[in-house]
Protein backbone atom coordinates (compact mmCIF):
# COMPACT_ATOMS: atom_id res chain seq x y z
CA MET A 1 62.64 -5.47 -124.15
CA THR A 2 63.33 -9.17 -123.60
CA ALA A 3 60.77 -10.98 -121.45
CA ILE A 4 62.25 -13.31 -118.82
CA ASN A 5 60.91 -15.41 -115.96
CA PRO A 6 63.15 -16.53 -113.09
CA ILE A 7 61.22 -19.81 -112.67
CA SER A 8 61.50 -20.93 -116.31
CA PRO A 9 64.46 -23.22 -115.49
CA ILE A 10 62.18 -25.31 -113.25
CA LEU A 11 60.35 -26.62 -116.32
CA ASP A 12 63.67 -27.55 -117.92
CA HIS A 13 64.67 -29.49 -114.80
CA ALA A 14 61.26 -31.18 -114.71
CA SER A 15 61.86 -32.30 -118.30
CA LYS A 16 65.52 -33.33 -118.05
CA THR A 17 65.77 -34.56 -114.44
CA PRO A 18 62.14 -35.06 -113.36
CA ASP A 19 62.94 -37.28 -110.39
CA ALA A 20 65.60 -34.98 -108.94
CA LEU A 21 64.74 -33.57 -105.51
CA ALA A 22 63.40 -30.00 -105.65
CA LEU A 23 61.83 -29.28 -102.25
CA PHE A 24 61.62 -30.61 -98.72
CA VAL A 25 58.97 -28.98 -96.55
CA ASP A 26 56.82 -30.15 -93.63
CA GLY A 27 58.35 -33.61 -93.73
CA GLN A 28 57.50 -34.13 -97.41
CA TYR A 29 59.89 -34.48 -100.35
CA TYR A 30 58.90 -33.15 -103.79
CA THR A 31 60.72 -33.89 -107.05
CA TYR A 32 60.88 -31.40 -109.89
CA ARG A 33 58.13 -33.37 -111.65
CA GLN A 34 55.89 -33.16 -108.58
CA LEU A 35 56.62 -29.49 -107.86
CA THR A 36 55.89 -28.57 -111.47
CA ALA A 37 52.63 -30.55 -111.39
CA LEU A 38 51.46 -28.72 -108.25
CA THR A 39 52.37 -25.36 -109.75
CA ALA A 40 50.79 -26.10 -113.12
CA ALA A 41 47.52 -27.11 -111.48
CA GLN A 42 47.37 -23.87 -109.46
CA ALA A 43 48.35 -21.77 -112.48
CA ALA A 44 45.55 -23.42 -114.46
CA ARG A 45 43.04 -22.45 -111.73
CA ILE A 46 44.28 -18.86 -111.82
CA ASN A 47 44.01 -18.88 -115.61
CA GLN A 48 40.29 -19.64 -115.36
CA LEU A 49 39.66 -16.21 -113.83
CA SER A 50 37.99 -13.68 -116.11
CA THR A 51 41.10 -11.48 -116.21
CA ALA A 52 44.72 -12.38 -115.57
CA PRO A 53 46.12 -10.87 -112.34
CA SER A 54 49.11 -8.56 -112.45
CA ARG A 55 49.83 -8.68 -108.69
CA VAL A 56 49.29 -11.80 -106.59
CA ALA A 57 49.63 -11.80 -102.81
CA VAL A 58 50.21 -15.16 -101.13
CA LEU A 59 49.05 -15.30 -97.50
CA CYS A 60 50.15 -18.54 -95.88
CA ALA A 61 51.38 -19.95 -92.60
CA GLY A 62 54.10 -21.77 -94.54
CA GLY A 63 54.28 -25.25 -95.94
CA ALA A 64 54.04 -26.50 -99.50
CA GLU A 65 51.08 -24.18 -100.16
CA ALA A 66 53.29 -21.11 -99.73
CA TYR A 67 55.80 -22.35 -102.32
CA CYS A 68 53.13 -23.57 -104.71
CA GLY A 69 51.41 -20.19 -104.47
CA ALA A 70 54.65 -18.29 -105.09
CA LEU A 71 55.53 -20.36 -108.13
CA ALA A 72 52.00 -20.16 -109.54
CA ALA A 73 52.01 -16.37 -109.27
CA LEU A 74 55.35 -16.17 -111.05
CA TRP A 75 54.23 -18.73 -113.64
CA MET A 76 51.44 -16.30 -114.59
CA GLY A 77 53.93 -13.43 -114.91
CA ALA A 78 52.35 -11.65 -111.95
CA THR A 79 54.26 -9.75 -109.29
CA TYR A 80 54.57 -12.04 -106.27
CA ILE A 81 53.84 -10.52 -102.84
CA PRO A 82 54.60 -12.87 -99.92
CA LEU A 83 52.59 -12.29 -96.75
CA ALA A 84 52.66 -14.20 -93.46
CA THR A 85 49.79 -15.17 -91.21
CA ASP A 86 51.74 -14.16 -88.09
CA THR A 87 51.88 -10.54 -89.27
CA PRO A 88 50.00 -8.19 -86.91
CA LEU A 89 46.61 -7.35 -88.43
CA PRO A 90 47.18 -3.56 -88.65
CA GLN A 91 50.41 -4.09 -90.60
CA LEU A 92 48.83 -6.71 -92.83
CA ARG A 93 45.99 -4.32 -93.61
CA ASP A 94 48.49 -1.58 -94.49
CA MET A 95 50.45 -3.92 -96.77
CA LEU A 96 47.41 -5.09 -98.69
CA THR A 97 46.09 -1.54 -98.98
CA ASP A 98 49.42 -0.27 -100.31
CA VAL A 99 50.10 -2.96 -102.88
CA ALA A 100 46.44 -3.55 -103.88
CA PRO A 101 46.82 -7.07 -105.31
CA ASP A 102 44.46 -8.32 -108.01
CA LEU A 103 44.40 -11.76 -106.43
CA LEU A 104 44.99 -13.25 -103.00
CA LEU A 105 46.06 -16.90 -102.67
CA THR A 106 45.74 -18.50 -99.22
CA ASP A 107 46.13 -21.71 -97.30
CA PRO A 108 43.46 -22.43 -94.65
CA SER A 109 45.18 -20.23 -92.04
CA GLY A 110 45.46 -17.39 -94.52
CA ALA A 111 41.81 -17.75 -95.52
CA ALA A 112 40.67 -17.51 -91.89
CA LEU A 113 42.75 -14.36 -91.43
CA TRP A 114 41.53 -12.91 -94.71
CA HIS A 115 37.92 -13.05 -93.59
CA ARG A 116 38.81 -11.03 -90.48
CA LEU A 117 40.47 -8.21 -92.45
CA ASP A 118 38.52 -5.05 -93.09
CA LEU A 119 40.12 -3.36 -96.10
CA PRO A 120 39.21 0.03 -97.51
CA GLY A 121 38.15 0.03 -101.13
CA LYS A 122 37.79 -2.95 -103.42
CA ARG A 123 38.85 -6.34 -102.05
CA PRO A 124 40.99 -8.52 -104.31
CA ARG A 125 39.72 -11.80 -105.71
CA HIS A 126 40.49 -14.78 -103.49
CA LEU A 127 41.52 -18.36 -104.32
CA SER A 128 42.56 -21.14 -102.00
CA ILE A 129 45.77 -22.97 -102.82
CA GLU A 130 45.10 -26.59 -103.67
CA LEU A 131 47.96 -29.08 -103.77
CA ASP A 132 46.80 -31.03 -106.83
CA PRO A 133 49.46 -33.61 -107.84
CA THR A 134 47.73 -34.31 -111.16
CA GLY A 135 48.59 -30.95 -112.71
CA ASP A 136 49.91 -31.09 -116.26
CA PRO A 137 52.13 -28.28 -117.59
CA ALA A 138 50.74 -28.98 -121.06
CA LEU A 139 47.25 -28.04 -119.85
CA ALA A 140 48.38 -24.93 -117.97
CA PRO A 141 48.97 -21.57 -119.64
CA PRO A 142 52.50 -21.00 -120.96
CA VAL A 143 54.92 -19.52 -118.45
CA ALA A 144 54.60 -15.76 -118.90
CA GLY A 145 57.61 -13.48 -119.11
CA PHE A 146 58.47 -10.34 -117.14
CA ASP A 147 59.70 -7.24 -118.90
CA THR A 148 63.09 -6.32 -117.49
CA ASP A 149 61.69 -3.37 -115.54
CA SER A 150 58.61 -5.21 -114.24
CA ALA A 151 58.50 -6.14 -110.55
CA VAL A 152 59.04 -9.87 -109.96
CA TYR A 153 58.31 -9.61 -106.25
CA VAL A 154 57.54 -7.06 -103.54
CA VAL A 155 58.76 -7.54 -99.98
CA PHE A 156 57.92 -5.24 -97.11
CA THR A 157 60.36 -3.59 -94.76
CA SER A 158 59.79 -1.16 -91.91
CA GLY A 159 59.53 2.58 -92.35
CA THR A 160 60.80 5.38 -90.13
CA THR A 161 57.38 5.46 -88.50
CA GLY A 162 56.98 1.69 -88.36
CA HIS A 163 54.66 1.72 -91.39
CA PRO A 164 55.69 -1.10 -93.78
CA LYS A 165 57.21 -0.05 -97.09
CA GLY A 166 56.95 -2.23 -100.18
CA VAL A 167 60.25 -2.87 -101.97
CA PRO A 168 59.59 -3.97 -105.58
CA VAL A 169 62.46 -5.88 -107.20
CA SER A 170 62.46 -5.93 -111.00
CA ALA A 171 63.47 -8.77 -113.31
CA ARG A 172 66.57 -6.79 -114.28
CA GLN A 173 67.67 -6.21 -110.68
CA LEU A 174 66.99 -9.80 -109.62
CA THR A 175 68.72 -11.28 -112.66
CA HIS A 176 71.87 -9.25 -112.02
CA ALA A 177 71.97 -10.28 -108.36
CA LEU A 178 71.45 -13.98 -109.12
CA GLU A 179 74.16 -13.93 -111.79
CA CYS A 180 76.58 -12.36 -109.30
CA PHE A 181 75.74 -15.03 -106.71
CA GLN A 182 76.10 -17.90 -109.17
CA ARG A 183 79.55 -16.70 -110.25
CA ARG A 184 80.55 -16.55 -106.59
CA TYR A 185 79.02 -19.79 -105.29
CA VAL A 186 78.67 -22.03 -108.39
CA ILE A 187 75.54 -23.85 -107.20
CA LYS A 188 75.27 -27.35 -108.71
CA ARG A 189 72.44 -29.83 -109.14
CA ASP A 190 73.57 -31.95 -106.21
CA ASP A 191 73.59 -28.99 -103.81
CA ARG A 192 71.09 -28.90 -100.98
CA LEU A 193 70.24 -25.37 -99.85
CA SER A 194 68.71 -24.31 -96.55
CA GLN A 195 65.61 -22.14 -96.31
CA SER A 196 65.95 -20.64 -92.84
CA PHE A 197 64.10 -17.42 -93.68
CA PRO A 198 60.35 -16.92 -93.90
CA LEU A 199 59.28 -16.08 -97.44
CA THR A 200 58.42 -12.53 -96.35
CA PHE A 201 62.14 -11.93 -95.67
CA ASP A 202 63.95 -10.77 -98.81
CA LEU A 203 66.93 -13.08 -98.13
CA SER A 204 64.62 -16.05 -98.75
CA MET A 205 64.67 -15.14 -102.44
CA PHE A 206 68.32 -16.15 -102.63
CA ASP A 207 67.50 -19.67 -101.45
CA LEU A 208 64.44 -20.08 -103.63
CA PHE A 209 65.85 -18.83 -106.93
CA MET A 210 69.43 -20.05 -106.53
CA ALA A 211 68.27 -23.59 -105.77
CA TRP A 212 65.64 -23.92 -108.47
CA GLN A 213 67.45 -22.08 -111.25
CA GLN A 214 70.36 -24.52 -110.92
CA GLY A 215 68.33 -27.70 -110.40
CA ALA A 216 69.38 -28.04 -106.76
CA SER A 217 67.06 -28.74 -103.81
CA LEU A 218 65.56 -26.40 -101.25
CA HIS A 219 65.13 -27.62 -97.66
CA VAL A 220 62.69 -25.61 -95.54
CA ILE A 221 63.57 -25.67 -91.86
CA PRO A 222 60.56 -26.23 -89.59
CA ALA A 223 59.73 -23.09 -87.59
CA ARG A 224 60.48 -24.85 -84.29
CA GLN A 225 64.03 -25.66 -85.48
CA ARG A 226 64.99 -22.33 -87.07
CA LEU A 227 67.04 -21.26 -84.05
CA ALA A 228 68.42 -24.76 -83.39
CA PRO A 229 68.93 -26.30 -86.84
CA GLY A 230 71.98 -28.48 -86.16
CA PRO A 231 70.15 -31.83 -86.39
CA PHE A 232 68.24 -30.63 -89.47
CA ILE A 233 71.48 -29.68 -91.27
CA ARG A 234 72.90 -33.16 -90.65
CA GLN A 235 69.70 -35.08 -91.41
CA GLN A 236 69.12 -33.24 -94.69
CA GLN A 237 72.86 -33.27 -95.54
CA LEU A 238 72.78 -29.60 -96.46
CA THR A 239 75.65 -28.24 -98.54
CA LEU A 240 74.76 -24.51 -98.36
CA TRP A 241 73.62 -22.75 -95.21
CA PHE A 242 72.23 -19.18 -95.21
CA SER A 243 70.84 -17.42 -92.14
CA VAL A 244 71.08 -14.42 -89.86
CA PRO A 245 74.03 -14.57 -87.40
CA SER A 246 71.67 -14.79 -84.41
CA VAL A 247 71.19 -18.46 -85.24
CA ILE A 248 74.85 -19.11 -84.38
CA ALA A 249 74.38 -17.68 -80.89
CA PHE A 250 71.34 -19.88 -80.22
CA MET A 251 73.08 -22.99 -81.58
CA HIS A 252 76.14 -22.33 -79.42
CA ARG A 253 73.95 -21.95 -76.36
CA LEU A 254 72.37 -25.35 -77.10
CA GLY A 255 75.69 -27.12 -77.69
CA GLN A 256 75.11 -27.62 -81.44
CA LEU A 257 78.45 -26.19 -82.60
CA LYS A 258 80.85 -28.94 -81.60
CA PRO A 259 83.90 -29.31 -83.89
CA ASP A 260 83.03 -30.94 -87.24
CA ASN A 261 79.34 -31.08 -86.27
CA LEU A 262 78.27 -29.56 -89.61
CA ALA A 263 80.61 -31.46 -91.90
CA THR A 264 78.31 -31.65 -94.95
CA LEU A 265 78.39 -27.89 -95.60
CA ARG A 266 80.52 -26.47 -98.39
CA TRP A 267 79.14 -22.93 -98.06
CA SER A 268 78.10 -20.94 -94.97
CA LEU A 269 76.52 -17.55 -95.66
CA PHE A 270 75.39 -14.95 -93.12
CA CYS A 271 73.48 -11.72 -93.66
CA GLY A 272 70.74 -9.58 -92.14
CA GLU A 273 72.67 -8.25 -89.14
CA ALA A 274 76.27 -7.71 -88.06
CA LEU A 275 78.29 -10.92 -87.72
CA PRO A 276 80.40 -10.91 -84.50
CA LEU A 277 83.88 -12.40 -84.96
CA GLU A 278 83.59 -14.80 -82.03
CA LEU A 279 80.38 -16.31 -83.40
CA ALA A 280 81.98 -16.68 -86.84
CA ARG A 281 84.87 -18.56 -85.24
CA ARG A 282 82.52 -20.97 -83.48
CA TRP A 283 80.66 -21.68 -86.72
CA GLN A 284 83.90 -22.24 -88.63
CA ASP A 285 85.01 -24.81 -86.06
CA ALA A 286 81.72 -26.68 -86.51
CA ALA A 287 81.84 -26.48 -90.34
CA PRO A 288 85.59 -26.57 -91.12
CA ASP A 289 85.17 -27.67 -94.74
CA ALA A 290 82.74 -24.87 -95.62
CA GLN A 291 83.77 -21.57 -97.13
CA MET A 292 82.17 -18.74 -95.18
CA ASP A 293 80.89 -15.39 -96.47
CA ASN A 294 79.71 -12.36 -94.52
CA LEU A 295 77.15 -10.60 -96.74
CA TYR A 296 75.70 -7.12 -96.45
CA GLY A 297 72.84 -5.41 -98.18
CA PRO A 298 69.40 -3.93 -97.51
CA ALA A 299 66.32 -5.20 -99.32
CA GLU A 300 66.53 -2.03 -101.42
CA ALA A 301 69.74 -3.39 -102.98
CA THR A 302 68.26 -6.84 -103.85
CA ILE A 303 69.28 -9.43 -101.27
CA ALA A 304 72.96 -8.48 -100.77
CA CYS A 305 75.44 -6.17 -102.48
CA THR A 306 78.77 -6.73 -100.67
CA ALA A 307 80.54 -9.89 -99.56
CA LYS A 308 83.57 -10.88 -97.54
CA ARG A 309 85.17 -14.33 -97.72
CA LEU A 310 86.26 -15.20 -94.18
CA TYR A 311 89.65 -16.85 -93.75
CA ASP A 312 91.99 -17.35 -90.79
CA LEU A 313 89.38 -16.25 -88.27
CA HIS A 314 91.48 -17.37 -85.32
CA CYS A 315 94.27 -14.87 -86.07
CA PRO A 316 94.54 -12.60 -83.00
CA ASP A 317 94.31 -9.38 -85.02
CA TYR A 318 91.49 -10.47 -87.36
CA GLU A 319 88.95 -7.71 -88.07
CA MET A 320 85.42 -8.48 -89.26
CA THR A 321 84.32 -6.52 -92.35
CA ILE A 322 81.43 -6.52 -94.83
CA GLY A 323 83.93 -6.92 -97.64
CA GLN A 324 83.74 -5.42 -101.10
CA PRO A 325 80.86 -4.62 -103.47
CA LEU A 326 79.54 -7.23 -105.88
CA ASP A 327 79.97 -6.65 -109.61
CA GLY A 328 78.51 -3.33 -110.72
CA THR A 329 77.75 -2.01 -107.23
CA LEU A 330 79.14 1.37 -106.19
CA LEU A 331 79.57 2.52 -102.58
CA ALA A 332 80.17 6.03 -101.26
CA THR A 333 79.68 7.98 -98.03
CA ILE A 334 78.25 11.34 -97.00
CA GLY A 335 78.64 13.40 -93.83
CA GLU A 336 76.13 15.05 -91.50
CA GLN A 337 75.73 17.98 -93.91
CA GLU A 338 75.11 15.51 -96.75
CA GLN A 339 78.45 16.36 -98.33
CA TRP A 340 80.55 13.63 -99.94
CA THR A 341 83.22 12.34 -97.57
CA PRO A 342 86.41 10.41 -98.35
CA PRO A 343 85.54 6.70 -98.03
CA GLU A 344 88.40 6.13 -95.60
CA ILE A 345 86.83 8.77 -93.32
CA GLY A 346 83.39 7.27 -93.81
CA GLY A 347 79.87 8.39 -93.02
CA GLU A 348 76.39 7.34 -94.08
CA LEU A 349 76.69 4.63 -96.71
CA LEU A 350 75.12 5.19 -100.15
CA ILE A 351 74.66 2.39 -102.69
CA SER A 352 74.27 2.63 -106.46
CA GLY A 353 74.25 0.06 -109.22
CA PRO A 354 72.11 -2.46 -111.12
CA GLN A 355 70.74 -4.11 -107.96
CA VAL A 356 69.33 -0.94 -106.38
CA VAL A 357 65.54 -0.82 -106.73
CA ASP A 358 63.75 2.13 -108.29
CA GLY A 359 61.96 3.16 -105.09
CA TYR A 360 59.20 2.14 -102.69
CA TRP A 361 55.80 0.93 -103.80
CA ALA A 362 53.31 3.84 -103.75
CA ARG A 363 55.48 5.88 -101.35
CA GLU A 364 56.74 8.80 -103.40
CA GLU A 365 57.81 11.00 -100.48
CA GLU A 366 59.94 8.30 -98.87
CA THR A 367 61.32 7.33 -102.26
CA GLN A 368 62.46 10.90 -102.88
CA HIS A 369 64.08 10.99 -99.45
CA ARG A 370 65.99 7.72 -99.77
CA PHE A 371 66.71 7.56 -103.51
CA THR A 372 68.50 10.57 -104.98
CA VAL A 373 70.56 11.41 -108.06
CA ARG A 374 73.92 12.84 -107.05
CA LYS A 375 77.19 13.50 -108.82
CA HIS A 376 80.15 12.02 -107.00
CA PRO A 377 83.49 13.75 -107.67
CA GLN A 378 85.21 10.47 -108.60
CA LEU A 379 82.37 8.06 -109.43
CA GLY A 380 80.21 10.44 -111.46
CA ALA A 381 76.45 11.01 -111.46
CA HIS A 382 74.33 8.07 -110.30
CA ARG A 383 71.10 7.30 -108.55
CA TRP A 384 71.98 6.48 -104.94
CA TYR A 385 70.13 4.76 -102.13
CA ARG A 386 70.75 6.16 -98.64
CA THR A 387 71.06 3.18 -96.31
CA GLY A 388 71.10 4.95 -92.93
CA ASP A 389 74.09 2.73 -92.10
CA LEU A 390 77.46 4.12 -91.11
CA ALA A 391 80.47 2.65 -92.89
CA ARG A 392 84.12 3.26 -93.68
CA LEU A 393 86.56 1.89 -96.26
CA GLY A 394 89.68 0.31 -94.76
CA ASP A 395 93.22 0.32 -96.08
CA ASP A 396 92.75 -3.31 -97.15
CA GLY A 397 89.94 -2.38 -99.56
CA ASP A 398 87.20 -3.82 -97.32
CA TRP A 399 84.26 -1.83 -95.96
CA ARG A 400 83.50 -1.72 -92.24
CA PHE A 401 79.96 -1.48 -90.87
CA LEU A 402 79.97 1.06 -88.02
CA GLY A 403 76.33 1.23 -86.90
CA ARG A 404 73.32 3.40 -87.70
CA VAL A 405 72.70 7.12 -88.13
CA ASP A 406 69.30 6.67 -86.44
CA ARG A 407 67.78 4.40 -83.78
CA GLN A 408 66.81 1.63 -86.17
CA LEU A 409 67.51 -1.91 -84.95
CA LYS A 410 67.77 -5.34 -86.51
CA ILE A 411 66.55 -8.24 -84.38
CA ARG A 412 67.04 -11.65 -86.00
CA GLY A 413 67.24 -9.79 -89.29
CA ILE A 414 63.94 -7.93 -88.76
CA ARG A 415 64.39 -4.22 -89.35
CA THR A 416 62.45 -2.09 -86.86
CA GLU A 417 62.27 1.46 -85.57
CA THR A 418 62.53 1.95 -81.81
CA GLU A 419 60.28 5.02 -82.05
CA ALA A 420 57.47 2.85 -83.43
CA ILE A 421 57.75 0.39 -80.52
CA GLU A 422 57.84 3.30 -78.07
CA GLN A 423 54.60 4.68 -79.48
CA LEU A 424 52.90 1.29 -79.16
CA VAL A 425 54.16 0.75 -75.59
CA GLN A 426 52.96 4.20 -74.57
CA GLN A 427 49.59 3.69 -76.24
CA HIS A 428 48.92 0.21 -74.80
CA SER A 429 50.24 0.91 -71.30
CA GLY A 430 48.52 4.26 -70.89
CA ALA A 431 51.89 5.62 -69.79
CA ASP A 432 52.97 9.25 -69.82
CA THR A 433 56.19 8.34 -71.62
CA ALA A 434 58.00 5.21 -72.79
CA ALA A 435 61.52 4.52 -73.98
CA ILE A 436 63.00 1.51 -75.79
CA LEU A 437 66.59 0.31 -75.53
CA PRO A 438 68.22 -2.62 -77.34
CA LEU A 439 69.40 -5.68 -75.40
CA TYR A 440 72.67 -7.22 -76.58
CA GLU A 441 74.12 -10.68 -76.17
CA GLN A 442 77.47 -11.61 -77.73
CA GLN A 443 77.36 -8.32 -79.70
CA LEU A 444 73.99 -9.20 -81.27
CA CYS A 445 70.74 -7.36 -80.59
CA VAL A 446 68.51 -10.09 -79.16
CA GLY A 447 65.54 -7.92 -78.19
CA VAL A 448 64.46 -4.71 -76.49
CA ALA A 449 63.78 -3.41 -73.00
CA ALA A 450 60.94 -0.98 -72.35
CA PHE A 451 61.10 1.78 -69.73
CA VAL A 452 57.70 3.14 -68.75
CA THR A 453 56.62 5.99 -66.49
CA PRO A 454 54.89 6.39 -64.10
CA VAL A 455 54.94 3.31 -61.88
CA PRO A 456 51.51 1.61 -62.23
CA LEU A 457 49.04 1.41 -59.36
CA GLN A 458 48.58 -2.32 -59.91
CA PRO A 459 51.42 -4.80 -59.18
CA GLU A 460 54.20 -4.44 -61.74
CA VAL A 461 54.16 -8.15 -62.63
CA GLU A 462 50.49 -7.90 -63.54
CA ALA A 463 51.04 -4.63 -65.46
CA ARG A 464 53.87 -6.22 -67.49
CA ARG A 465 51.79 -9.27 -68.33
CA LYS A 466 48.86 -7.10 -69.41
CA LEU A 467 51.08 -4.88 -71.56
CA ILE A 468 52.74 -7.78 -73.42
CA ARG A 469 49.38 -9.43 -74.02
CA SER A 470 48.08 -6.16 -75.46
CA LEU A 471 51.14 -5.72 -77.71
CA LYS A 472 51.08 -9.20 -79.24
CA PRO A 473 48.55 -8.36 -81.97
CA CYS A 474 50.65 -5.32 -82.96
CA LEU A 475 54.24 -6.60 -82.92
CA GLN A 476 56.05 -9.62 -84.27
CA GLY A 477 57.25 -11.93 -81.52
CA ALA A 478 60.93 -10.97 -81.83
CA LEU A 479 60.01 -7.30 -81.31
CA LEU A 480 58.02 -7.71 -78.08
CA PRO A 481 59.90 -6.23 -75.09
CA ILE A 482 61.88 -8.86 -73.24
CA GLN A 483 62.00 -6.60 -70.20
CA VAL A 484 59.54 -3.94 -69.00
CA ARG A 485 60.74 -1.62 -66.25
CA TYR A 486 58.68 1.03 -64.48
CA LEU A 487 60.24 4.23 -63.21
CA PRO A 488 58.73 7.25 -61.40
CA GLN A 489 60.13 9.37 -64.23
CA LEU A 490 62.53 8.94 -67.15
CA PRO A 491 65.88 10.77 -67.06
CA LEU A 492 66.06 13.81 -69.33
CA THR A 493 68.86 15.68 -71.03
CA ARG A 494 69.34 19.39 -70.38
CA HIS A 495 67.25 19.97 -73.51
CA GLY A 496 64.33 18.08 -72.00
CA LYS A 497 64.64 14.98 -74.19
CA ILE A 498 64.80 11.40 -72.90
CA ASP A 499 68.37 10.63 -71.85
CA TYR A 500 68.97 7.21 -73.38
CA ARG A 501 72.55 7.09 -72.09
CA GLN A 502 71.37 7.32 -68.50
CA LEU A 503 68.76 4.64 -69.18
CA ALA A 504 71.46 2.40 -70.66
CA ALA A 505 73.47 2.89 -67.47
CA VAL A 506 70.42 1.87 -65.43
CA LEU A 507 70.05 -1.21 -67.63
CA ASP A 508 73.72 -2.15 -67.25
CA GLU A 509 73.59 -1.57 -63.50
CA ARG A 510 70.56 -3.81 -62.99
CA GLU A 511 71.94 -6.55 -65.28
CA GLY A 512 75.23 -6.41 -63.40
């Protein structure tokens, strides 16, 4: 098998165009020479360990340390596992226990968090990330290669019980995806790519690898500007924008989508949640010279596996779709009895092809449930991933996203299970029962509302405040209930289950 490393091109750029811009983060610009020096110095420190690590977790709040740590891990040929310091401690403990890294790299925030974590079993070795500008690639170990089936990175996504699942992406799967993207977008050295996603979000891998493999620059948006990046786009003269569609809604609300306001962009890409047509129209008016793509794909299919080029959005009968599969990807649908269904009828969407991962890290039962070998009557026998998404093929050859087969939500691209939030709300409120409903704005899920029974003895305002404060260590900020409503009892169906339709009517009535 041929050994490859997705960061090898960085050394070529450092040699041929050393003063070209590679990274902007935290107000600091780094050339390819400087980025390579930082990475080489950290790789040299890792190389001094008694044994080379095979899995390296990087726990950072962000900043140059996070990117230096990622590149150093990959330089050593180790599987890179990005972790964030704002992750709730129970989830972080589960992630580290599951993936069992050989080495943990941290910035100061990550180190402080690391010392608070109580892990079962053997703790990994720990190194701080030092931004040493004197690093010399000649003094660092050679860049190690990955076998084609070795995991380059592992990102975590939610499970059906809220337990994070590691998604390992191999060199073969990543290489195929990046080659598909480069054929589609033709990234050049003078391109300036956004990094709107945290590194724990699989879509961030597009920005990182597409920029640095082609000698372009990566521009990391400060956390405080991620939902209002208009000034950043103009100041940094970005040419490629990639984000979740929710950003468009926030920018519109803040008046950042005036006509021609984003004139430097030549590409506008959106993924991670459904893209409403009206929001796409507003973005197109602000970036009229940019070509726009609506992308679709779960982390299990390596970043994205379908794409739709958006033209003529202001036509009255325009219909938003997720487009057609990228090269090599196969799509099919099954019905409620798990039988194959005609694609024009639709059903649960299944994905097969060279970008689909082999399964979840150390989760054999869930792997067997989601990844199955099936023989399709027209497409033949393949290994398929069950997405849990509903989809249908249109007469125009484009696929339509129709929703979910379960109660899973995506909020700002974060995949979550409503049942998991319900369990936490019930546990932390001491309630008899709790129910979670999504809150929508401009067809996007912007958060959740919690219904709790019974009505508390203390004032409801105080009870809400106490509940949210208690949930903060357990849930990411975007997943905390925006509304908490107390009822004497929750409505039930005739089968004795919570009647979510009646609750939705109560929600609509009160909002009206």
